[in-house]
Amino acid sequence: MTDQTIDNTMNNIGWKSYYELCKPKVVMLIIFTAVVGMFLSVPGMVPWQPLIFGTIGIGLAASSAAAINHFLDQKYDAKMARTKGRPLPHGDLNGKQVMGFALTLGFIAMAILVFLVNELTAFLTFLSLIGYAVVYTIYLKHATPQNIVIGGAAGAAPPVLGWCAVTGTIDPHALLLFLIIFIWTPPHFWALAVARRDEYAKADIPMLPVTHGADFTRLHIVFYTVLLILVSILPFLTGMSGLFYLIIAVVLGFTFLYYAVLLKKTADDVIAMKAFWFSIVYLMVLFAALLIDHYI
């Protein structure tokens, strides 16, 4: 192998490692819900400036928060099979590189939002970044089994951020979108936590199935899924959306409930992972339905 080949390989690894720090799959979902919030905030087309720069700013801020999470969680990630291959525990990057990358992304994100979008969006995005990267990662995640419930507020913010990027205000309908994601987060993440409870226990992270048992968590997944069905109907009941959205929301909700009940009955970790993956599809399709309904 030549020196040039080695250099090219290392550069490729470096690029992929920095990309992985951003948690791209999570960030894409965040961007999608934020963009839906933008389109729902106006009757017609979203003005180009908040659409483009708001999306970039929110996406970069989410990527910054993800990178900070990688840095702060590196010793726990090294103990878990699901995360030990991440750039820091795997040794692809060091802490200085990761924090430099995270802070650079965060600074660019804030500059874009302050100067090219509006100050309220920048402020709310900054609060969301700190809420996830610092409050949740450093404190809540290790302090209480309700970590994902309380910390879910940061992850539920993107539709509000998108709405605010366009209107410069916090609208009650935007808060409904926040509420949907806030209620969706516990059954989504607890399904994964049930399937990976031994790993969380090994890392000494007090997720609900570790502290209260898998059966208790499965029951709460059912409860939260029922609550999610009720909350997901609110956009229709408040006149924010129409019949098309209602039908999609009900079908999605009861499909999610099917997986939750099946998980409770079978106590099968394979079903837990199926519920986890469906929950992602659930949120994407639900917000897509909101968007389609808005224009029909």
C-alpha atoms as a PDB file:
ATOM      1  CA  MET A   1       0.000   0.000   0.000  1.00  0.00           C
ATOM      2  CA  THR A   2       1.457   3.349  -1.027  1.00  0.00           C
ATOM      3  CA  ASP A   3       1.667   6.441   1.145  1.00  0.00           C
ATOM      4  CA  GLN A   4      -0.892   8.158  -1.113  1.00  0.00           C
ATOM      5  CA  THR A   5      -3.333   5.267  -0.629  1.00  0.00           C
ATOM      6  CA  ILE A   6      -2.873   5.429   3.136  1.00  0.00           C
ATOM      7  CA  ASP A   7      -3.467   9.199   3.125  1.00  0.00           C
ATOM      8  CA  ASN A   8      -6.613   8.803   1.017  1.00  0.00           C
ATOM      9  CA  THR A   9      -7.902   6.080   3.333  1.00  0.00           C
ATOM     10  CA  MET A  10      -7.282   8.206   6.435  1.00  0.00           C
ATOM     11  CA  ASN A  11      -8.971  11.210   4.842  1.00  0.00           C
ATOM     12  CA  ASN A  12     -11.977   9.062   3.975  1.00  0.00           C
ATOM     13  CA  ILE A  13     -12.154   7.729   7.554  1.00  0.00           C
ATOM     14  CA  GLY A  14     -11.883  11.281   8.903  1.00  0.00           C
ATOM     15  CA  TRP A  15     -14.711  12.566   6.726  1.00  0.00           C
ATOM     16  CA  LYS A  16     -16.960   9.666   7.653  1.00  0.00           C
ATOM     17  CA  SER A  17     -16.131  10.061  11.349  1.00  0.00           C
ATOM     18  CA  TYR A  18     -17.069  13.737  11.394  1.00  0.00           C
ATOM     19  CA  TYR A  19     -20.245  12.906   9.475  1.00  0.00           C
ATOM     20  CA  GLU A  20     -21.132  10.232  12.032  1.00  0.00           C
ATOM     21  CA  LEU A  21     -20.653  12.734  14.861  1.00  0.00           C
ATOM     22  CA  CYS A  22     -23.650  14.627  13.462  1.00  0.00           C
ATOM     23  CA  LYS A  23     -25.980  11.622  13.937  1.00  0.00           C
ATOM     24  CA  PRO A  24     -27.247  12.206  10.385  1.00  0.00           C
ATOM     25  CA  LYS A  25     -30.339   9.977  10.583  1.00  0.00           C
ATOM     26  CA  VAL A  26     -31.550  11.745  13.718  1.00  0.00           C
ATOM     27  CA  VAL A  27     -30.723  15.176  12.304  1.00  0.00           C
ATOM     28  CA  MET A  28     -32.583  14.452   9.066  1.00  0.00           C
ATOM     29  CA  LEU A  29     -35.713  13.659  11.088  1.00  0.00           C
ATOM     30  CA  ILE A  30     -35.212  16.863  13.068  1.00  0.00           C
ATOM     31  CA  ILE A  31     -34.838  18.891   9.864  1.00  0.00           C
ATOM     32  CA  PHE A  32     -37.898  17.251   8.338  1.00  0.00           C
ATOM     33  CA  THR A  33     -40.158  18.101  11.286  1.00  0.00           C
ATOM     34  CA  ALA A  34     -38.746  21.641  11.373  1.00  0.00           C
ATOM     35  CA  VAL A  35     -39.457  22.134   7.656  1.00  0.00           C
ATOM     36  CA  VAL A  36     -43.001  20.818   8.096  1.00  0.00           C
ATOM     37  CA  GLY A  37     -43.426  23.396  10.854  1.00  0.00           C
ATOM     38  CA  MET A  38     -42.300  26.079   8.387  1.00  0.00           C
ATOM     39  CA  PHE A  39     -44.837  25.095   5.754  1.00  0.00           C
ATOM     40  CA  LEU A  40     -47.689  24.751   8.244  1.00  0.00           C
ATOM     41  CA  SER A  41     -47.040  28.296   9.484  1.00  0.00           C
ATOM     42  CA  VAL A  42     -48.197  29.948   6.249  1.00  0.00           C
ATOM     43  CA  PRO A  43     -51.117  29.326   3.854  1.00  0.00           C
ATOM     44  CA  GLY A  44     -48.953  29.361   0.736  1.00  0.00           C
ATOM     45  CA  MET A  45     -45.285  28.958  -0.062  1.00  0.00           C
ATOM     46  CA  VAL A  46     -42.683  29.611   2.611  1.00  0.00           C
ATOM     47  CA  PRO A  47     -40.459  32.643   1.857  1.00  0.00           C
ATOM     48  CA  TRP A  48     -37.125  31.429   0.534  1.00  0.00           C
ATOM     49  CA  GLN A  49     -34.863  33.059   3.135  1.00  0.00           C
ATOM     50  CA  PRO A  50     -36.273  31.460   6.315  1.00  0.00           C
ATOM     51  CA  LEU A  51     -36.782  28.188   4.432  1.00  0.00           C
ATOM     52  CA  ILE A  52     -33.151  27.906   3.319  1.00  0.00           C
ATOM     53  CA  PHE A  53     -31.287  29.602   6.133  1.00  0.00           C
ATOM     54  CA  GLY A  54     -33.652  28.368   8.843  1.00  0.00           C
ATOM     55  CA  THR A  55     -33.182  24.788   7.664  1.00  0.00           C
ATOM     56  CA  ILE A  56     -29.401  25.147   7.513  1.00  0.00           C
ATOM     57  CA  GLY A  57     -29.182  26.844  10.908  1.00  0.00           C
ATOM     58  CA  ILE A  58     -31.430  24.352  12.690  1.00  0.00           C
ATOM     59  CA  GLY A  59     -29.650  21.430  11.026  1.00  0.00           C
ATOM     60  CA  LEU A  60     -26.192  22.686  11.990  1.00  0.00           C
ATOM     61  CA  ALA A  61     -27.312  23.345  15.574  1.00  0.00           C
ATOM     62  CA  ALA A  62     -28.710  19.802  15.822  1.00  0.00           C
ATOM     63  CA  SER A  63     -25.445  18.427  14.427  1.00  0.00           C
ATOM     64  CA  SER A  64     -23.477  20.467  16.968  1.00  0.00           C
ATOM     65  CA  ALA A  65     -25.590  19.087  19.809  1.00  0.00           C
ATOM     66  CA  ALA A  66     -25.077  15.552  18.496  1.00  0.00           C
ATOM     67  CA  ALA A  67     -21.291  16.012  18.391  1.00  0.00           C
ATOM     68  CA  ILE A  68     -21.245  17.381  21.949  1.00  0.00           C
ATOM     69  CA  ASN A  69     -23.288  14.346  22.998  1.00  0.00           C
ATOM     70  CA  HIS A  70     -20.645  12.085  21.421  1.00  0.00           C
ATOM     71  CA  PHE A  71     -17.939  13.866  23.408  1.00  0.00           C
ATOM     72  CA  LEU A  72     -19.740  13.763  26.759  1.00  0.00           C
ATOM     73  CA  ASP A  73     -20.951  10.172  26.387  1.00  0.00           C
ATOM     74  CA  GLN A  74     -17.725   8.626  25.078  1.00  0.00           C
ATOM     75  CA  LYS A  75     -16.921   6.543  28.170  1.00  0.00           C
ATOM     76  CA  TYR A  76     -20.474   5.177  28.274  1.00  0.00           C
ATOM     77  CA  ASP A  77     -20.531   4.554  24.528  1.00  0.00           C
ATOM     78  CA  ALA A  78     -17.389   2.426  24.906  1.00  0.00           C
ATOM     79  CA  LYS A  79     -19.286   0.038  27.200  1.00  0.00           C
ATOM     80  CA  MET A  80     -22.230  -0.563  24.874  1.00  0.00           C
ATOM     81  CA  ALA A  81     -22.207  -2.788  21.800  1.00  0.00           C
ATOM     82  CA  ARG A  82     -24.577  -0.403  20.000  1.00  0.00           C
ATOM     83  CA  THR A  83     -22.249   2.587  20.390  1.00  0.00           C
ATOM     84  CA  LYS A  84     -18.701   1.300  20.890  1.00  0.00           C
ATOM     85  CA  GLY A  85     -17.967   1.750  17.188  1.00  0.00           C
ATOM     86  CA  ARG A  86     -18.592   5.505  17.340  1.00  0.00           C
ATOM     87  CA  PRO A  87     -15.639   7.751  16.362  1.00  0.00           C
ATOM     88  CA  LEU A  88     -14.438   8.580  19.904  1.00  0.00           C
ATOM     89  CA  PRO A  89     -14.528   5.147  21.603  1.00  0.00           C
ATOM     90  CA  HIS A  90     -13.247   3.584  18.392  1.00  0.00           C
ATOM     91  CA  GLY A  91     -10.306   6.000  18.340  1.00  0.00           C
ATOM     92  CA  ASP A  92     -10.979   7.584  14.948  1.00  0.00           C
ATOM     93  CA  LEU A  93     -11.079  11.082  16.492  1.00  0.00           C
ATOM     94  CA  ASN A  94      -9.968  12.630  19.766  1.00  0.00           C
ATOM     95  CA  GLY A  95     -11.895  14.842  22.158  1.00  0.00           C
ATOM     96  CA  LYS A  96     -10.260  18.064  21.000  1.00  0.00           C
ATOM     97  CA  GLN A  97     -11.199  17.388  17.388  1.00  0.00           C
ATOM     98  CA  VAL A  98     -14.781  16.549  18.316  1.00  0.00           C
ATOM     99  CA  MET A  99     -15.350  19.620  20.498  1.00  0.00           C
ATOM    100  CA  GLY A 100     -13.683  21.894  17.966  1.00  0.00           C
ATOM    101  CA  PHE A 101     -16.005  20.532  15.296  1.00  0.00           C
ATOM    102  CA  ALA A 102     -19.072  20.837  17.561  1.00  0.00           C
ATOM    103  CA  LEU A 103     -18.358  24.416  18.609  1.00  0.00           C
ATOM    104  CA  THR A 104     -17.645  25.476  15.028  1.00  0.00           C
ATOM    105  CA  LEU A 105     -20.975  24.059  13.859  1.00  0.00           C
ATOM    106  CA  GLY A 106     -22.769  25.687  16.784  1.00  0.00           C
ATOM    107  CA  PHE A 107     -21.211  29.089  16.126  1.00  0.00           C
ATOM    108  CA  ILE A 108     -22.072  28.989  12.418  1.00  0.00           C
ATOM    109  CA  ALA A 109     -25.623  27.868  13.216  1.00  0.00           C
ATOM    110  CA  MET A 110     -26.203  30.721  15.656  1.00  0.00           C
ATOM    111  CA  ALA A 111     -24.719  33.291  13.275  1.00  0.00           C
ATOM    112  CA  ILE A 112     -26.978  32.140  10.447  1.00  0.00           C
ATOM    113  CA  LEU A 113     -30.092  32.173  12.629  1.00  0.00           C
ATOM    114  CA  VAL A 114     -29.369  35.547  14.250  1.00  0.00           C
ATOM    115  CA  PHE A 115     -28.406  37.454  11.103  1.00  0.00           C
ATOM    116  CA  LEU A 116     -30.366  35.658   8.368  1.00  0.00           C
ATOM    117  CA  VAL A 117     -33.488  34.363  10.146  1.00  0.00           C
ATOM    118  CA  ASN A 118     -34.514  36.016  13.421  1.00  0.00           C
ATOM    119  CA  GLU A 119     -33.270  36.322  16.989  1.00  0.00           C
ATOM    120  CA  LEU A 120     -36.156  34.411  18.596  1.00  0.00           C
ATOM    121  CA  THR A 121     -35.450  31.352  16.470  1.00  0.00           C
ATOM    122  CA  ALA A 122     -31.755  31.606  17.343  1.00  0.00           C
ATOM    123  CA  PHE A 123     -32.547  31.865  21.052  1.00  0.00           C
ATOM    124  CA  LEU A 124     -34.970  28.904  21.031  1.00  0.00           C
ATOM    125  CA  THR A 125     -32.541  26.822  18.973  1.00  0.00           C
ATOM    126  CA  PHE A 126     -29.746  27.600  21.408  1.00  0.00           C
ATOM    127  CA  LEU A 127     -31.953  26.547  24.336  1.00  0.00           C
ATOM    128  CA  SER A 128     -32.755  23.311  22.527  1.00  0.00           C
ATOM    129  CA  LEU A 129     -29.055  22.665  21.855  1.00  0.00           C
ATOM    130  CA  ILE A 130     -28.138  23.234  25.503  1.00  0.00           C
ATOM    131  CA  GLY A 131     -31.134  21.224  26.670  1.00  0.00           C
ATOM    132  CA  TYR A 132     -30.049  18.129  24.766  1.00  0.00           C
ATOM    133  CA  ALA A 133     -26.269  18.413  24.700  1.00  0.00           C
ATOM    134  CA  VAL A 134     -25.807  19.565  28.298  1.00  0.00           C
ATOM    135  CA  VAL A 135     -28.904  19.269  30.517  1.00  0.00           C
ATOM    136  CA  TYR A 136     -30.015  15.874  29.198  1.00  0.00           C
ATOM    137  CA  THR A 137     -26.627  14.328  28.444  1.00  0.00           C
ATOM    138  CA  ILE A 138     -24.775  15.438  31.582  1.00  0.00           C
ATOM    139  CA  TYR A 139     -27.545  15.462  34.178  1.00  0.00           C
ATOM    140  CA  LEU A 140     -30.925  13.947  33.295  1.00  0.00           C
ATOM    141  CA  LYS A 141     -29.626  10.861  31.502  1.00  0.00           C
ATOM    142  CA  HIS A 142     -27.778   9.725  34.630  1.00  0.00           C
ATOM    143  CA  ALA A 143     -30.063  11.177  37.317  1.00  0.00           C
ATOM    144  CA  THR A 144     -33.500   9.687  36.762  1.00  0.00           C
ATOM    145  CA  PRO A 145     -35.292   6.905  34.847  1.00  0.00           C
ATOM    146  CA  GLN A 146     -37.618   9.657  33.614  1.00  0.00           C
ATOM    147  CA  ASN A 147     -34.644  11.079  31.697  1.00  0.00           C
ATOM    148  CA  ILE A 148     -36.111  10.573  28.252  1.00  0.00           C
ATOM    149  CA  VAL A 149     -39.496  11.994  29.308  1.00  0.00           C
ATOM    150  CA  ILE A 150     -38.070  15.254  30.655  1.00  0.00           C
ATOM    151  CA  GLY A 151     -35.259  15.484  28.122  1.00  0.00           C
ATOM    152  CA  GLY A 152     -37.708  14.873  25.293  1.00  0.00           C
ATOM    153  CA  ALA A 153     -38.607  18.560  25.365  1.00  0.00           C
ATOM    154  CA  ALA A 154     -35.391  19.424  23.514  1.00  0.00           C
ATOM    155  CA  GLY A 155     -36.058  16.850  20.819  1.00  0.00           C
ATOM    156  CA  ALA A 156     -39.639  18.057  20.396  1.00  0.00           C
ATOM    157  CA  ALA A 157     -38.623  21.638  19.623  1.00  0.00           C
ATOM    158  CA  PRO A 158     -37.829  21.496  15.848  1.00  0.00           C
ATOM    159  CA  PRO A 159     -41.389  22.157  14.542  1.00  0.00           C
ATOM    160  CA  VAL A 160     -41.600  25.175  16.845  1.00  0.00           C
ATOM    161  CA  LEU A 161     -38.213  26.356  15.598  1.00  0.00           C
ATOM    162  CA  GLY A 162     -39.310  25.967  11.983  1.00  0.00           C
ATOM    163  CA  TRP A 163     -42.579  27.791  12.603  1.00  0.00           C
ATOM    164  CA  CYS A 164     -40.783  30.585  14.425  1.00  0.00           C
ATOM    165  CA  ALA A 165     -38.185  30.898  11.656  1.00  0.00           C
ATOM    166  CA  VAL A 166     -40.966  31.929   9.271  1.00  0.00           C
ATOM    167  CA  THR A 167     -43.297  33.932  11.514  1.00  0.00           C
ATOM    168  CA  GLY A 168     -41.025  35.138  14.306  1.00  0.00           C
ATOM    169  CA  THR A 169     -43.657  33.976  16.821  1.00  0.00           C
ATOM    170  CA  ILE A 170     -44.533  30.945  18.946  1.00  0.00           C
ATOM    171  CA  ASP A 171     -47.969  29.819  17.758  1.00  0.00           C
ATOM    172  CA  PRO A 172     -50.340  27.476  19.690  1.00  0.00           C
ATOM    173  CA  HIS A 173     -50.521  25.208  16.636  1.00  0.00           C
ATOM    174  CA  ALA A 174     -46.735  24.926  16.670  1.00  0.00           C
ATOM    175  CA  LEU A 175     -46.980  23.860  20.310  1.00  0.00           C
ATOM    176  CA  LEU A 176     -49.356  21.072  19.246  1.00  0.00           C
ATOM    177  CA  LEU A 177     -46.608  19.748  16.992  1.00  0.00           C
ATOM    178  CA  PHE A 178     -44.214  20.012  19.938  1.00  0.00           C
ATOM    179  CA  LEU A 179     -46.661  18.041  22.095  1.00  0.00           C
ATOM    180  CA  ILE A 180     -46.962  15.234  19.554  1.00  0.00           C
ATOM    181  CA  ILE A 181     -43.197  14.675  19.436  1.00  0.00           C
ATOM    182  CA  PHE A 182     -42.899  15.109  23.219  1.00  0.00           C
ATOM    183  CA  ILE A 183     -45.426  12.290  23.830  1.00  0.00           C
ATOM    184  CA  TRP A 184     -43.976  10.178  20.998  1.00  0.00           C
ATOM    185  CA  THR A 185     -40.437  10.217  22.431  1.00  0.00           C
ATOM    186  CA  PRO A 186     -40.904   7.911  25.476  1.00  0.00           C
ATOM    187  CA  PRO A 187     -42.523   4.938  23.673  1.00  0.00           C
ATOM    188  CA  HIS A 188     -40.075   5.413  20.802  1.00  0.00           C
ATOM    189  CA  PHE A 189     -36.957   5.370  22.956  1.00  0.00           C
ATOM    190  CA  TRP A 190     -38.203   2.942  25.613  1.00  0.00           C
ATOM    191  CA  ALA A 191     -38.755   0.301  22.917  1.00  0.00           C
ATOM    192  CA  LEU A 192     -35.039   0.538  22.119  1.00  0.00           C
ATOM    193  CA  ALA A 193     -34.134   0.666  25.815  1.00  0.00           C
ATOM    194  CA  VAL A 194     -36.089  -2.547  26.487  1.00  0.00           C
ATOM    195  CA  ALA A 195     -34.211  -4.365  23.733  1.00  0.00           C
ATOM    196  CA  ARG A 196     -30.859  -2.954  24.887  1.00  0.00           C
ATOM    197  CA  ARG A 197     -31.475  -2.947  28.659  1.00  0.00           C
ATOM    198  CA  ASP A 198     -28.465  -5.153  29.428  1.00  0.00           C
ATOM    199  CA  GLU A 199     -26.180  -2.695  27.634  1.00  0.00           C
ATOM    200  CA  TYR A 200     -27.626   0.265  29.543  1.00  0.00           C
ATOM    201  CA  ALA A 201     -27.210  -1.644  32.791  1.00  0.00           C
ATOM    202  CA  LYS A 202     -23.578  -2.403  31.923  1.00  0.00           C
ATOM    203  CA  ALA A 203     -22.976   1.295  31.257  1.00  0.00           C
ATOM    204  CA  ASP A 204     -24.750   2.175  34.531  1.00  0.00           C
ATOM    205  CA  ILE A 205     -27.318   4.386  32.804  1.00  0.00           C
ATOM    206  CA  PRO A 206     -30.629   4.383  34.732  1.00  0.00           C
ATOM    207  CA  MET A 207     -33.020   3.864  31.832  1.00  0.00           C
ATOM    208  CA  LEU A 208     -36.519   2.817  32.902  1.00  0.00           C
ATOM    209  CA  PRO A 209     -36.144  -0.915  32.047  1.00  0.00           C
ATOM    210  CA  VAL A 210     -32.909  -0.980  34.089  1.00  0.00           C
ATOM    211  CA  THR A 211     -34.357   0.647  37.218  1.00  0.00           C
ATOM    212  CA  HIS A 212     -37.962  -0.617  37.102  1.00  0.00           C
ATOM    213  CA  GLY A 213     -37.768  -3.673  34.890  1.00  0.00           C
ATOM    214  CA  ALA A 214     -38.742  -4.480  31.319  1.00  0.00           C
ATOM    215  CA  ASP A 215     -42.350  -5.435  32.142  1.00  0.00           C
ATOM    216  CA  PHE A 216     -42.979  -2.086  33.842  1.00  0.00           C
ATOM    217  CA  THR A 217     -41.495  -0.293  30.837  1.00  0.00           C
ATOM    218  CA  ARG A 218     -43.560  -2.277  28.336  1.00  0.00           C
ATOM    219  CA  LEU A 219     -46.707  -1.289  30.234  1.00  0.00           C
ATOM    220  CA  HIS A 220     -45.706   2.357  30.077  1.00  0.00           C
ATOM    221  CA  ILE A 221     -45.055   2.051  26.346  1.00  0.00           C
ATOM    222  CA  VAL A 222     -48.695   0.998  25.970  1.00  0.00           C
ATOM    223  CA  PHE A 223     -49.910   3.895  28.147  1.00  0.00           C
ATOM    224  CA  TYR A 224     -47.891   6.488  26.265  1.00  0.00           C
ATOM    225  CA  THR A 225     -48.966   5.081  22.890  1.00  0.00           C
ATOM    226  CA  VAL A 226     -52.624   5.462  23.867  1.00  0.00           C
ATOM    227  CA  LEU A 227     -51.885   9.020  24.960  1.00  0.00           C
ATOM    228  CA  LEU A 228     -50.080   9.614  21.669  1.00  0.00           C
ATOM    229  CA  ILE A 229     -53.165   8.551  19.709  1.00  0.00           C
ATOM    230  CA  LEU A 230     -55.260  11.076  21.620  1.00  0.00           C
ATOM    231  CA  VAL A 231     -52.716  13.871  21.228  1.00  0.00           C
ATOM    232  CA  SER A 232     -52.263  13.181  17.509  1.00  0.00           C
ATOM    233  CA  ILE A 233     -55.975  13.886  16.961  1.00  0.00           C
ATOM    234  CA  LEU A 234     -55.702  17.403  18.400  1.00  0.00           C
ATOM    235  CA  PRO A 235     -54.634  19.060  15.114  1.00  0.00           C
ATOM    236  CA  PHE A 236     -57.941  17.879  13.605  1.00  0.00           C
ATOM    237  CA  LEU A 237     -60.024  18.858  16.634  1.00  0.00           C
ATOM    238  CA  THR A 238     -58.531  22.370  16.673  1.00  0.00           C
ATOM    239  CA  GLY A 239     -59.103  22.926  12.959  1.00  0.00           C
ATOM    240  CA  MET A 240     -55.404  22.880  12.150  1.00  0.00           C
ATOM    241  CA  SER A 241     -55.827  19.892   9.814  1.00  0.00           C
ATOM    242  CA  GLY A 242     -58.586  18.035   8.010  1.00  0.00           C
ATOM    243  CA  LEU A 243     -60.037  14.581   7.431  1.00  0.00           C
ATOM    244  CA  PHE A 244     -57.086  13.277   5.419  1.00  0.00           C
ATOM    245  CA  TYR A 245     -54.722  13.858   8.315  1.00  0.00           C
ATOM    246  CA  LEU A 246     -57.202  12.395  10.821  1.00  0.00           C
ATOM    247  CA  ILE A 247     -57.475   9.114   8.911  1.00  0.00           C
ATOM    248  CA  ILE A 248     -53.697   8.767   8.598  1.00  0.00           C
ATOM    249  CA  ALA A 249     -53.173   9.680  12.282  1.00  0.00           C
ATOM    250  CA  VAL A 250     -55.696   7.085  13.482  1.00  0.00           C
ATOM    251  CA  VAL A 251     -54.307   4.312  11.267  1.00  0.00           C
ATOM    252  CA  LEU A 252     -50.739   5.077  12.319  1.00  0.00           C
ATOM    253  CA  GLY A 253     -51.698   5.358  15.983  1.00  0.00           C
ATOM    254  CA  PHE A 254     -53.474   2.034  16.160  1.00  0.00           C
ATOM    255  CA  THR A 255     -50.648   0.339  14.249  1.00  0.00           C
ATOM    256  CA  PHE A 256     -48.217   1.706  16.838  1.00  0.00           C
ATOM    257  CA  LEU A 257     -50.561   0.488  19.589  1.00  0.00           C
ATOM    258  CA  TYR A 258     -50.619  -2.961  17.976  1.00  0.00           C
ATOM    259  CA  TYR A 259     -46.839  -3.182  18.322  1.00  0.00           C
ATOM    260  CA  ALA A 260     -46.975  -1.833  21.884  1.00  0.00           C
ATOM    261  CA  VAL A 261     -49.598  -4.368  22.980  1.00  0.00           C
ATOM    262  CA  LEU A 262     -47.810  -7.195  21.168  1.00  0.00           C
ATOM    263  CA  LEU A 263     -44.604  -6.252  22.955  1.00  0.00           C
ATOM    264  CA  LYS A 264     -46.425  -6.285  26.307  1.00  0.00           C
ATOM    265  CA  LYS A 265     -47.898  -9.719  25.611  1.00  0.00           C
ATOM    266  CA  THR A 266     -44.836 -11.428  24.154  1.00  0.00           C
ATOM    267  CA  ALA A 267     -41.975  -9.693  26.015  1.00  0.00           C
ATOM    268  CA  ASP A 268     -39.987 -10.287  22.823  1.00  0.00           C
ATOM    269  CA  ASP A 269     -36.983  -8.043  22.205  1.00  0.00           C
ATOM    270  CA  VAL A 270     -37.355  -8.596  18.451  1.00  0.00           C
ATOM    271  CA  ILE A 271     -40.823  -7.027  18.713  1.00  0.00           C
ATOM    272  CA  ALA A 272     -39.293  -4.210  20.761  1.00  0.00           C
ATOM    273  CA  MET A 273     -36.941  -3.366  17.892  1.00  0.00           C
ATOM    274  CA  LYS A 274     -39.789  -3.597  15.386  1.00  0.00           C
ATOM    275  CA  ALA A 275     -41.759  -1.158  17.546  1.00  0.00           C
ATOM    276  CA  PHE A 276     -38.739   1.135  17.691  1.00  0.00           C
ATOM    277  CA  TRP A 277     -38.271   1.194  13.932  1.00  0.00           C
ATOM    278  CA  PHE A 278     -41.992   1.604  13.293  1.00  0.00           C
ATOM    279  CA  SER A 279     -42.049   4.580  15.665  1.00  0.00           C
ATOM    280  CA  ILE A 280     -39.637   6.389  13.334  1.00  0.00           C
ATOM    281  CA  VAL A 281     -41.830   5.609  10.332  1.00  0.00           C
ATOM    282  CA  TYR A 282     -44.823   6.744  12.392  1.00  0.00           C
ATOM    283  CA  LEU A 283     -43.423  10.210  13.009  1.00  0.00           C
ATOM    284  CA  MET A 284     -42.241  10.721   9.433  1.00  0.00           C
ATOM    285  CA  VAL A 285     -45.562   9.682   7.890  1.00  0.00           C
ATOM    286  CA  LEU A 286     -47.602  11.606  10.467  1.00  0.00           C
ATOM    287  CA  PHE A 287     -45.780  14.858   9.703  1.00  0.00           C
ATOM    288  CA  ALA A 288     -45.926  14.163   5.979  1.00  0.00           C
ATOM    289  CA  ALA A 289     -49.689  13.754   6.366  1.00  0.00           C
ATOM    290  CA  LEU A 290     -49.882  17.104   8.158  1.00  0.00           C
ATOM    291  CA  LEU A 291     -48.006  18.706   5.288  1.00  0.00           C
ATOM    292  CA  ILE A 292     -50.106  17.118   2.538  1.00  0.00           C
ATOM    293  CA  ASP A 293     -53.342  17.905   4.363  1.00  0.00           C
ATOM    294  CA  HIS A 294     -52.266  21.540   4.709  1.00  0.00           C
ATOM    295  CA  TYR A 295     -52.248  21.952   0.933  1.00  0.00           C
ATOM    296  CA  ILE A 296     -55.362  19.932   0.045  1.00  0.00           C
END
